[in-house]
Protein backbone atom coordinates (compact mmCIF):
# COMPACT_ATOMS: atom_id res chain seq x y z
CA UNK A 1 0.00 0.00 0.00
CA UNK A 2 1.27 3.41 -0.94
CA UNK A 3 -0.20 6.79 0.07
CA UNK A 4 0.89 10.22 -1.11
CA UNK A 5 -0.24 12.60 1.62
CA UNK A 6 -0.53 16.35 1.10
CA UNK A 7 -1.41 18.80 3.85
CA UNK A 8 -4.03 21.22 2.57
CA UNK A 9 -5.98 24.35 3.40
CA UNK A 10 -8.85 23.19 1.18
CA UNK A 11 -9.42 20.49 -1.43
CA UNK A 12 -12.10 19.01 -3.63
CA UNK A 13 -12.65 16.29 -6.19
CA UNK A 14 -14.96 16.40 -9.20
CA UNK A 15 -16.26 13.68 -11.50
CA UNK A 16 -17.67 14.81 -14.86
CA UNK A 17 -17.68 18.40 -13.59
CA UNK A 18 -19.73 17.58 -10.47
CA UNK A 19 -18.13 17.99 -7.05
CA UNK A 20 -18.27 14.69 -5.15
CA UNK A 21 -15.95 15.52 -2.23
CA UNK A 22 -14.83 18.71 -0.49
CA UNK A 23 -12.80 19.40 2.66
CA UNK A 24 -11.30 22.33 4.51
CA UNK A 25 -8.06 22.08 6.51
CA UNK A 26 -6.66 18.58 6.49
CA UNK A 27 -5.05 16.03 4.22
CA UNK A 28 -5.44 14.88 0.64
CA UNK A 29 -4.57 11.21 0.32
CA UNK A 30 -3.76 9.58 -3.01
CA UNK A 31 -4.16 5.88 -2.21
CA UNK A 32 -2.56 3.08 -4.22
CA UNK A 33 -2.96 -0.62 -3.53
CA UNK A 34 -1.04 -3.63 -4.76
CA UNK A 35 -1.89 -7.36 -5.00
CA UNK A 36 -0.67 -8.49 -1.60
CA UNK A 37 -2.01 -5.59 0.47
CA UNK A 38 -4.09 -6.53 3.50
CA UNK A 39 -6.42 -4.94 6.01
CA UNK A 40 -3.46 -4.90 8.43
CA UNK A 41 -1.56 -2.60 6.07
CA UNK A 42 -4.63 -0.34 5.79
CA UNK A 43 -4.94 -0.20 9.58
CA UNK A 44 -1.25 0.62 10.08
CA UNK A 45 -1.27 3.44 7.51
CA UNK A 46 -4.61 4.84 8.77
CA UNK A 47 -3.22 5.03 12.30
CA UNK A 48 0.03 6.59 11.08
CA UNK A 49 -1.81 9.24 9.05
CA UNK A 50 -4.09 10.52 11.80
CA UNK A 51 -1.23 10.66 14.32
CA UNK A 52 1.58 12.15 12.21
CA UNK A 53 2.66 15.46 13.73
CA UNK A 54 2.65 17.53 10.55
CA UNK A 55 0.47 20.51 11.49
CA UNK A 56 2.01 23.61 13.02
CA UNK A 57 1.66 24.53 16.66
CA UNK A 58 1.53 28.09 18.00
CA UNK A 59 5.31 28.37 17.53
CA UNK A 60 5.19 27.32 13.87
CA UNK A 61 6.68 23.86 14.50
CA UNK A 62 5.14 20.70 13.11
CA UNK A 63 3.93 19.27 16.42
CA UNK A 64 0.20 18.69 15.90
CA UNK A 65 -1.58 15.73 14.37
CA UNK A 66 -4.64 15.66 12.14
CA UNK A 67 -6.67 14.57 15.16
CA UNK A 68 -5.42 17.48 17.27
CA UNK A 69 -6.11 19.86 14.39
CA UNK A 70 -9.65 18.47 13.91
CA UNK A 71 -8.72 18.19 10.25
CA UNK A 72 -10.52 16.37 7.46
CA UNK A 73 -9.40 13.91 4.80
CA UNK A 74 -10.02 13.79 1.06
CA UNK A 75 -9.16 10.23 0.01
CA UNK A 76 -8.73 9.48 -3.69
CA UNK A 77 -7.95 6.06 -5.16
CA UNK A 78 -4.83 6.21 -7.33
CA UNK A 79 -3.73 2.98 -9.01
CA UNK A 80 -1.08 4.89 -10.98
CA UNK A 81 1.07 5.04 -7.82
CA UNK A 82 2.08 1.51 -8.79
CA UNK A 83 3.07 2.45 -12.33
CA UNK A 84 6.51 1.15 -13.26
CA UNK A 85 8.29 3.54 -15.62
CA UNK A 86 11.68 1.78 -15.74
CA UNK A 87 11.25 0.25 -19.19
CA UNK A 88 9.86 1.78 -22.34
CA UNK A 89 7.83 4.95 -22.59
CA UNK A 90 4.51 3.74 -21.22
CA UNK A 91 4.04 2.90 -17.52
CA UNK A 92 3.40 -0.72 -16.62
CA UNK A 93 0.60 -1.08 -14.06
CA UNK A 94 0.98 -4.82 -13.39
CA UNK A 95 1.86 -4.12 -9.73
CA UNK A 96 -1.43 -2.34 -9.08
CA UNK A 97 -4.10 -4.46 -7.41
CA UNK A 98 -6.97 -5.73 -9.51
CA UNK A 99 -10.01 -3.43 -9.15
CA UNK A 100 -12.07 -5.91 -7.09
CA UNK A 101 -9.32 -6.30 -4.47
CA UNK A 102 -8.34 -2.63 -4.52
CA UNK A 103 -11.87 -1.30 -4.12
CA UNK A 104 -12.59 -3.56 -1.14
CA UNK A 105 -9.39 -2.48 0.64
CA UNK A 106 -9.82 1.18 -0.32
CA UNK A 107 -13.32 1.18 1.19
CA UNK A 108 -12.02 -0.56 4.33
CA UNK A 109 -9.17 1.97 4.63
CA UNK A 110 -11.67 4.84 4.56
CA UNK A 111 -13.85 3.07 7.15
CA UNK A 112 -10.82 2.73 9.43
CA UNK A 113 -10.16 6.47 9.15
CA UNK A 114 -13.81 7.30 9.86
CA UNK A 115 -13.73 5.01 12.91
CA UNK A 116 -11.16 7.44 14.36
CA UNK A 117 -13.81 10.21 14.21
CA UNK A 118 -12.24 11.82 11.15
CA UNK A 119 -14.41 13.33 8.43
CA UNK A 120 -13.47 11.50 5.23
CA UNK A 121 -14.63 12.61 1.79
CA UNK A 122 -13.79 10.51 -1.26
CA UNK A 123 -13.81 10.51 -4.99
CA UNK A 124 -15.48 7.70 -6.95
CA UNK A 125 -13.43 4.52 -7.27
CA UNK A 126 -12.35 3.89 -10.86
CA UNK A 127 -13.68 7.20 -12.21
CA UNK A 128 -11.71 9.88 -14.02
CA UNK A 129 -11.40 12.60 -11.39
CA UNK A 130 -10.22 16.20 -11.17
CA UNK A 131 -8.58 16.86 -7.82
CA UNK A 132 -7.90 20.42 -6.67
CA UNK A 133 -6.12 21.52 -3.51
CA UNK A 134 -4.29 24.34 -1.86
CA UNK A 135 -1.22 22.54 -0.54
CA UNK A 136 -0.31 24.06 2.84
CA UNK A 137 3.44 24.41 3.32
CA UNK A 138 3.77 22.69 0.94
CA UNK A 139 3.91 19.45 2.92
CA UNK A 140 3.90 16.24 0.91
CA UNK A 141 4.88 12.81 2.28
CA UNK A 142 4.86 9.27 0.92
CA UNK A 143 3.83 6.42 3.21
CA UNK A 144 4.32 2.80 2.20
CA UNK A 145 3.57 -0.47 3.92
């Protein structure tokens, strides 16, 4: 499992021009899954995300977590995180999980985040999406399990 995390001031996702998810201060998560990912991996990354101290305290130091900030999450499925660009000119996506497996784990991952009392907005799995955000910092991290 691979997640690109971006701290944001605001973010939204649209499908066919219609907004399907919108958050204020929080995190945008681009979520990629591979064949052997498990619920355990989802649980570990969900816990890591909500507890990472990446929001600024009153002194401007990154000492506050998403939970302490009462931030929100915009979670977007992103199979292209497992694109292999080492050979040729077209990415190879053989490492990305099959849609049936990926969608089940993606949904479970979002449930695990919501179980931590976090507001989680999402895109639509498998759809072409337009994601917009104001990246705060900018702060961008990659988590992998």
